[in-house]
Amino acid sequence: MRVNANTKNVTIYVTSSPRQQAALEVLGFAMALRVQDSILNGQLNLVDPKTGTSMKSDHPLVKKMQASLKPGDAMPGLAINQDNPVVDLETGEPLRNLYWIEAAV
């Protein structure tokens, strides 16, 4: 869950499956790399159903989610829509491997 520092709008970023890591050693240093194969990324902007406006960081639901939602938690009822990419607001170009989250059908 991310909060925009300027607008205080809340966004949740999700993946199609849990991220995994592969351990390796490079030049004598132990490290891990994220395995990115076939993982889709999704963006969910939270909207208040009563007002129709973006939820801010002080919204009661956001506070509950921040207290309970942990990285890797499943989010049933939601799906990554590969036909609806998130676009760069300045260029209008689709962002690589980032799609809007929608209600699952």
N, C-alpha and C. Protein backbone atom coordinates (compact mmCIF):
# COMPACT_ATOMS: atom_id res chain seq x y z
N MET A 1 0.86 -1.16 0.00
CA MET A 1 0.00 0.00 0.00
C MET A 1 0.91 1.23 0.00
N ARG A 2 0.62 2.13 -0.92
CA ARG A 2 1.42 3.36 -1.02
C ARG A 2 0.51 4.57 -0.88
N VAL A 3 1.05 5.60 -0.26
CA VAL A 3 0.33 6.86 -0.12
C VAL A 3 1.10 7.93 -0.88
N ASN A 4 0.42 8.60 -1.81
CA ASN A 4 1.04 9.69 -2.56
C ASN A 4 1.33 10.83 -1.59
N ALA A 5 2.59 11.23 -1.50
CA ALA A 5 2.98 12.26 -0.54
C ALA A 5 2.29 13.60 -0.80
N ASN A 6 1.99 13.91 -2.04
CA ASN A 6 1.36 15.20 -2.37
C ASN A 6 -0.15 15.18 -2.20
N THR A 7 -0.81 14.14 -2.73
CA THR A 7 -2.28 14.11 -2.73
C THR A 7 -2.86 13.34 -1.56
N LYS A 8 -2.06 12.49 -0.93
CA LYS A 8 -2.49 11.57 0.14
C LYS A 8 -3.42 10.48 -0.37
N ASN A 9 -3.55 10.31 -1.70
CA ASN A 9 -4.34 9.23 -2.28
C ASN A 9 -3.64 7.90 -2.01
N VAL A 10 -4.44 6.85 -1.85
CA VAL A 10 -3.91 5.53 -1.51
C VAL A 10 -3.99 4.61 -2.72
N THR A 11 -2.91 3.89 -2.98
CA THR A 11 -2.83 2.92 -4.07
C THR A 11 -2.27 1.62 -3.51
N ILE A 12 -2.85 0.51 -3.97
CA ILE A 12 -2.32 -0.80 -3.60
C ILE A 12 -1.75 -1.44 -4.87
N TYR A 13 -0.51 -1.92 -4.77
CA TYR A 13 0.12 -2.62 -5.88
C TYR A 13 0.09 -4.11 -5.57
N VAL A 14 -0.34 -4.90 -6.54
CA VAL A 14 -0.46 -6.34 -6.36
C VAL A 14 0.28 -7.08 -7.47
N THR A 15 0.54 -8.36 -7.23
CA THR A 15 1.15 -9.20 -8.25
C THR A 15 0.26 -10.42 -8.48
N SER A 16 0.41 -11.02 -9.65
CA SER A 16 -0.42 -12.17 -10.01
C SER A 16 -0.05 -13.42 -9.22
N SER A 17 1.13 -13.44 -8.65
CA SER A 17 1.56 -14.54 -7.79
C SER A 17 2.62 -13.99 -6.84
N PRO A 18 2.86 -14.68 -5.74
CA PRO A 18 3.86 -14.17 -4.80
C PRO A 18 5.24 -14.05 -5.45
N ARG A 19 5.93 -13.00 -5.11
CA ARG A 19 7.29 -12.82 -5.62
C ARG A 19 8.20 -13.83 -4.93
N GLN A 20 9.15 -14.35 -5.71
CA GLN A 20 10.10 -15.29 -5.16
C GLN A 20 11.50 -14.78 -5.40
N GLN A 21 12.44 -15.33 -4.65
CA GLN A 21 13.83 -14.93 -4.80
C GLN A 21 14.69 -16.14 -5.09
N ALA A 22 15.77 -15.90 -5.81
CA ALA A 22 16.77 -16.92 -6.08
C ALA A 22 18.08 -16.47 -5.45
N ALA A 23 18.64 -17.31 -4.60
CA ALA A 23 19.91 -16.99 -3.94
C ALA A 23 21.06 -17.26 -4.89
N LEU A 24 22.07 -16.39 -4.83
CA LEU A 24 23.27 -16.60 -5.64
C LEU A 24 24.44 -15.87 -4.99
N GLU A 25 25.61 -16.15 -5.52
CA GLU A 25 26.82 -15.50 -5.04
C GLU A 25 27.50 -14.85 -6.23
N VAL A 26 27.85 -13.58 -6.08
CA VAL A 26 28.53 -12.83 -7.14
C VAL A 26 29.76 -12.18 -6.54
N LEU A 27 30.92 -12.50 -7.11
CA LEU A 27 32.19 -11.95 -6.64
C LEU A 27 32.39 -12.16 -5.15
N GLY A 28 31.91 -13.29 -4.65
CA GLY A 28 32.07 -13.62 -3.24
C GLY A 28 31.01 -13.02 -2.34
N PHE A 29 30.04 -12.29 -2.89
CA PHE A 29 28.98 -11.69 -2.09
C PHE A 29 27.70 -12.49 -2.23
N ALA A 30 27.12 -12.88 -1.11
CA ALA A 30 25.84 -13.58 -1.14
C ALA A 30 24.73 -12.57 -1.34
N MET A 31 23.82 -12.88 -2.25
CA MET A 31 22.69 -11.97 -2.50
C MET A 31 21.53 -12.79 -3.03
N ALA A 32 20.43 -12.11 -3.25
CA ALA A 32 19.26 -12.74 -3.83
C ALA A 32 18.72 -11.84 -4.93
N LEU A 33 18.16 -12.45 -5.94
CA LEU A 33 17.51 -11.71 -7.02
C LEU A 33 16.05 -12.10 -7.06
N ARG A 34 15.21 -11.14 -7.35
CA ARG A 34 13.80 -11.44 -7.50
C ARG A 34 13.57 -12.19 -8.80
N VAL A 35 12.76 -13.22 -8.74
CA VAL A 35 12.38 -13.97 -9.93
C VAL A 35 11.14 -13.30 -10.50
N GLN A 36 11.26 -12.75 -11.70
CA GLN A 36 10.19 -11.94 -12.29
C GLN A 36 9.40 -12.66 -13.37
N ASP A 37 9.81 -13.86 -13.72
CA ASP A 37 9.17 -14.56 -14.84
C ASP A 37 7.66 -14.63 -14.70
N SER A 38 6.98 -14.17 -15.68
CA SER A 38 5.53 -14.27 -15.85
C SER A 38 4.70 -13.69 -14.71
N ILE A 39 5.26 -12.80 -13.93
CA ILE A 39 4.47 -12.13 -12.89
C ILE A 39 3.88 -10.86 -13.48
N LEU A 40 2.56 -10.71 -13.31
CA LEU A 40 1.89 -9.49 -13.74
C LEU A 40 1.75 -8.57 -12.54
N ASN A 41 1.84 -7.27 -12.78
CA ASN A 41 1.70 -6.28 -11.73
C ASN A 41 0.41 -5.50 -11.93
N GLY A 42 -0.28 -5.23 -10.84
CA GLY A 42 -1.54 -4.51 -10.93
C GLY A 42 -1.59 -3.34 -9.97
N GLN A 43 -2.37 -2.34 -10.33
CA GLN A 43 -2.54 -1.14 -9.52
C GLN A 43 -4.01 -0.98 -9.17
N LEU A 44 -4.29 -0.80 -7.89
CA LEU A 44 -5.65 -0.61 -7.40
C LEU A 44 -5.71 0.72 -6.67
N ASN A 45 -6.44 1.67 -7.23
CA ASN A 45 -6.65 2.95 -6.57
C ASN A 45 -7.95 2.85 -5.78
N LEU A 46 -7.89 3.11 -4.50
CA LEU A 46 -9.06 2.96 -3.65
C LEU A 46 -9.98 4.17 -3.77
N VAL A 47 -11.28 3.89 -3.95
CA VAL A 47 -12.29 4.94 -4.11
C VAL A 47 -13.35 4.77 -3.03
N ASP A 48 -13.72 5.86 -2.39
CA ASP A 48 -14.76 5.84 -1.36
C ASP A 48 -16.11 5.64 -2.04
N PRO A 49 -16.85 4.57 -1.71
CA PRO A 49 -18.13 4.32 -2.39
C PRO A 49 -19.20 5.38 -2.09
N LYS A 50 -19.07 6.07 -0.97
CA LYS A 50 -20.07 7.09 -0.62
C LYS A 50 -19.85 8.40 -1.37
N THR A 51 -18.58 8.77 -1.56
CA THR A 51 -18.29 10.07 -2.18
C THR A 51 -17.84 9.97 -3.62
N GLY A 52 -17.36 8.77 -4.03
CA GLY A 52 -16.84 8.60 -5.38
C GLY A 52 -15.47 9.23 -5.58
N THR A 53 -14.83 9.63 -4.49
CA THR A 53 -13.50 10.25 -4.58
C THR A 53 -12.43 9.28 -4.08
N SER A 54 -11.20 9.54 -4.46
CA SER A 54 -10.08 8.70 -4.02
C SER A 54 -9.97 8.72 -2.50
N MET A 55 -9.74 7.53 -1.95
CA MET A 55 -9.55 7.44 -0.50
C MET A 55 -8.21 8.05 -0.13
N LYS A 56 -8.22 8.80 0.94
CA LYS A 56 -7.00 9.41 1.47
C LYS A 56 -6.45 8.54 2.59
N SER A 57 -5.24 8.84 2.99
CA SER A 57 -4.57 8.03 4.01
C SER A 57 -5.27 8.07 5.36
N ASP A 58 -6.12 9.08 5.60
CA ASP A 58 -6.82 9.16 6.89
C ASP A 58 -8.21 8.51 6.87
N HIS A 59 -8.59 7.87 5.76
CA HIS A 59 -9.89 7.22 5.64
C HIS A 59 -9.92 6.01 6.60
N PRO A 60 -11.05 5.80 7.32
CA PRO A 60 -11.12 4.68 8.26
C PRO A 60 -10.82 3.31 7.64
N LEU A 61 -11.30 3.05 6.43
CA LEU A 61 -11.02 1.77 5.78
C LEU A 61 -9.53 1.61 5.50
N VAL A 62 -8.89 2.68 5.07
CA VAL A 62 -7.45 2.63 4.80
C VAL A 62 -6.69 2.30 6.07
N LYS A 63 -7.07 2.92 7.17
CA LYS A 63 -6.40 2.65 8.45
C LYS A 63 -6.56 1.19 8.85
N LYS A 64 -7.76 0.61 8.64
CA LYS A 64 -7.98 -0.81 8.95
C LYS A 64 -7.13 -1.69 8.05
N MET A 65 -7.07 -1.35 6.77
CA MET A 65 -6.27 -2.15 5.83
C MET A 65 -4.80 -2.07 6.17
N GLN A 66 -4.32 -0.88 6.53
CA GLN A 66 -2.91 -0.73 6.88
C GLN A 66 -2.55 -1.57 8.10
N ALA A 67 -3.50 -1.72 9.02
CA ALA A 67 -3.24 -2.49 10.23
C ALA A 67 -3.28 -4.00 9.98
N SER A 68 -4.02 -4.43 8.95
CA SER A 68 -4.21 -5.87 8.77
C SER A 68 -3.60 -6.45 7.50
N LEU A 69 -3.52 -5.68 6.42
CA LEU A 69 -3.04 -6.19 5.15
C LEU A 69 -1.51 -6.30 5.16
N LYS A 70 -1.03 -7.48 4.82
CA LYS A 70 0.42 -7.73 4.82
C LYS A 70 0.87 -8.11 3.41
N PRO A 71 2.12 -7.82 3.06
CA PRO A 71 2.64 -8.25 1.75
C PRO A 71 2.44 -9.75 1.57
N GLY A 72 1.95 -10.13 0.41
CA GLY A 72 1.72 -11.54 0.10
C GLY A 72 0.31 -12.01 0.40
N ASP A 73 -0.51 -11.19 1.08
CA ASP A 73 -1.90 -11.57 1.34
C ASP A 73 -2.66 -11.69 0.03
N ALA A 74 -3.48 -12.72 -0.06
CA ALA A 74 -4.36 -12.88 -1.23
C ALA A 74 -5.47 -11.84 -1.16
N MET A 75 -5.94 -11.42 -2.32
CA MET A 75 -7.03 -10.44 -2.39
C MET A 75 -8.13 -11.02 -3.27
N PRO A 76 -8.90 -11.99 -2.73
CA PRO A 76 -9.96 -12.61 -3.52
C PRO A 76 -11.00 -11.58 -3.95
N GLY A 77 -11.56 -11.81 -5.12
CA GLY A 77 -12.56 -10.89 -5.65
C GLY A 77 -11.98 -9.84 -6.58
N LEU A 78 -10.66 -9.81 -6.69
CA LEU A 78 -9.99 -8.85 -7.57
C LEU A 78 -9.21 -9.58 -8.65
N ALA A 79 -9.02 -8.93 -9.80
CA ALA A 79 -8.27 -9.53 -10.90
C ALA A 79 -7.48 -8.45 -11.63
N ILE A 80 -6.34 -8.85 -12.17
CA ILE A 80 -5.52 -7.96 -12.99
C ILE A 80 -6.07 -8.02 -14.42
N ASN A 81 -6.47 -6.87 -14.95
CA ASN A 81 -7.04 -6.81 -16.30
C ASN A 81 -5.93 -6.51 -17.30
N GLN A 82 -5.45 -7.55 -18.00
CA GLN A 82 -4.36 -7.37 -18.96
C GLN A 82 -4.76 -6.57 -20.19
N ASP A 83 -6.05 -6.34 -20.37
CA ASP A 83 -6.53 -5.53 -21.49
C ASP A 83 -6.60 -4.05 -21.14
N ASN A 84 -6.25 -3.70 -19.90
CA ASN A 84 -6.38 -2.32 -19.43
C ASN A 84 -5.09 -1.87 -18.74
N PRO A 85 -4.06 -1.51 -19.52
CA PRO A 85 -2.79 -1.10 -18.92
C PRO A 85 -2.88 0.28 -18.27
N VAL A 86 -2.08 0.47 -17.23
CA VAL A 86 -1.92 1.80 -16.64
C VAL A 86 -1.06 2.60 -17.62
N VAL A 87 -1.42 3.86 -17.86
CA VAL A 87 -0.66 4.68 -18.80
C VAL A 87 0.07 5.81 -18.08
N ASP A 88 1.19 6.20 -18.66
CA ASP A 88 1.97 7.33 -18.17
C ASP A 88 1.15 8.60 -18.38
N LEU A 89 0.93 9.37 -17.32
CA LEU A 89 0.10 10.57 -17.43
C LEU A 89 0.70 11.64 -18.32
N GLU A 90 2.02 11.64 -18.47
CA GLU A 90 2.67 12.65 -19.31
C GLU A 90 2.72 12.26 -20.77
N THR A 91 3.00 10.98 -21.05
CA THR A 91 3.18 10.55 -22.44
C THR A 91 1.95 9.85 -23.02
N GLY A 92 1.09 9.33 -22.17
CA GLY A 92 -0.05 8.57 -22.64
C GLY A 92 0.30 7.16 -23.06
N GLU A 93 1.55 6.78 -22.91
CA GLU A 93 2.01 5.44 -23.29
C GLU A 93 1.73 4.44 -22.16
N PRO A 94 1.36 3.19 -22.52
CA PRO A 94 1.16 2.18 -21.49
C PRO A 94 2.45 1.91 -20.72
N LEU A 95 2.34 1.74 -19.42
CA LEU A 95 3.50 1.38 -18.61
C LEU A 95 3.76 -0.11 -18.77
N ARG A 96 5.01 -0.49 -18.78
CA ARG A 96 5.39 -1.88 -19.00
C ARG A 96 4.94 -2.75 -17.82
N ASN A 97 4.13 -3.74 -18.12
CA ASN A 97 3.71 -4.76 -17.16
C ASN A 97 3.00 -4.20 -15.92
N LEU A 98 2.18 -3.15 -16.11
CA LEU A 98 1.37 -2.64 -15.01
C LEU A 98 -0.05 -2.42 -15.53
N TYR A 99 -0.99 -3.10 -14.90
CA TYR A 99 -2.38 -3.10 -15.35
C TYR A 99 -3.31 -2.70 -14.21
N TRP A 100 -4.51 -2.24 -14.57
CA TRP A 100 -5.49 -1.88 -13.56
C TRP A 100 -6.10 -3.13 -12.94
N ILE A 101 -6.41 -3.01 -11.66
CA ILE A 101 -7.09 -4.06 -10.93
C ILE A 101 -8.60 -3.79 -11.02
N GLU A 102 -9.36 -4.84 -11.24
CA GLU A 102 -10.81 -4.72 -11.33
C GLU A 102 -11.46 -5.85 -10.53
N ALA A 103 -12.76 -5.73 -10.33
CA ALA A 103 -13.49 -6.81 -9.67
C ALA A 103 -13.44 -8.05 -10.56
N ALA A 104 -13.18 -9.19 -9.95
CA ALA A 104 -13.14 -10.45 -10.69
C ALA A 104 -14.56 -10.82 -11.10
N VAL A 105 -14.68 -11.39 -12.30
CA VAL A 105 -16.00 -11.81 -12.77
C VAL A 105 -16.14 -13.30 -12.75
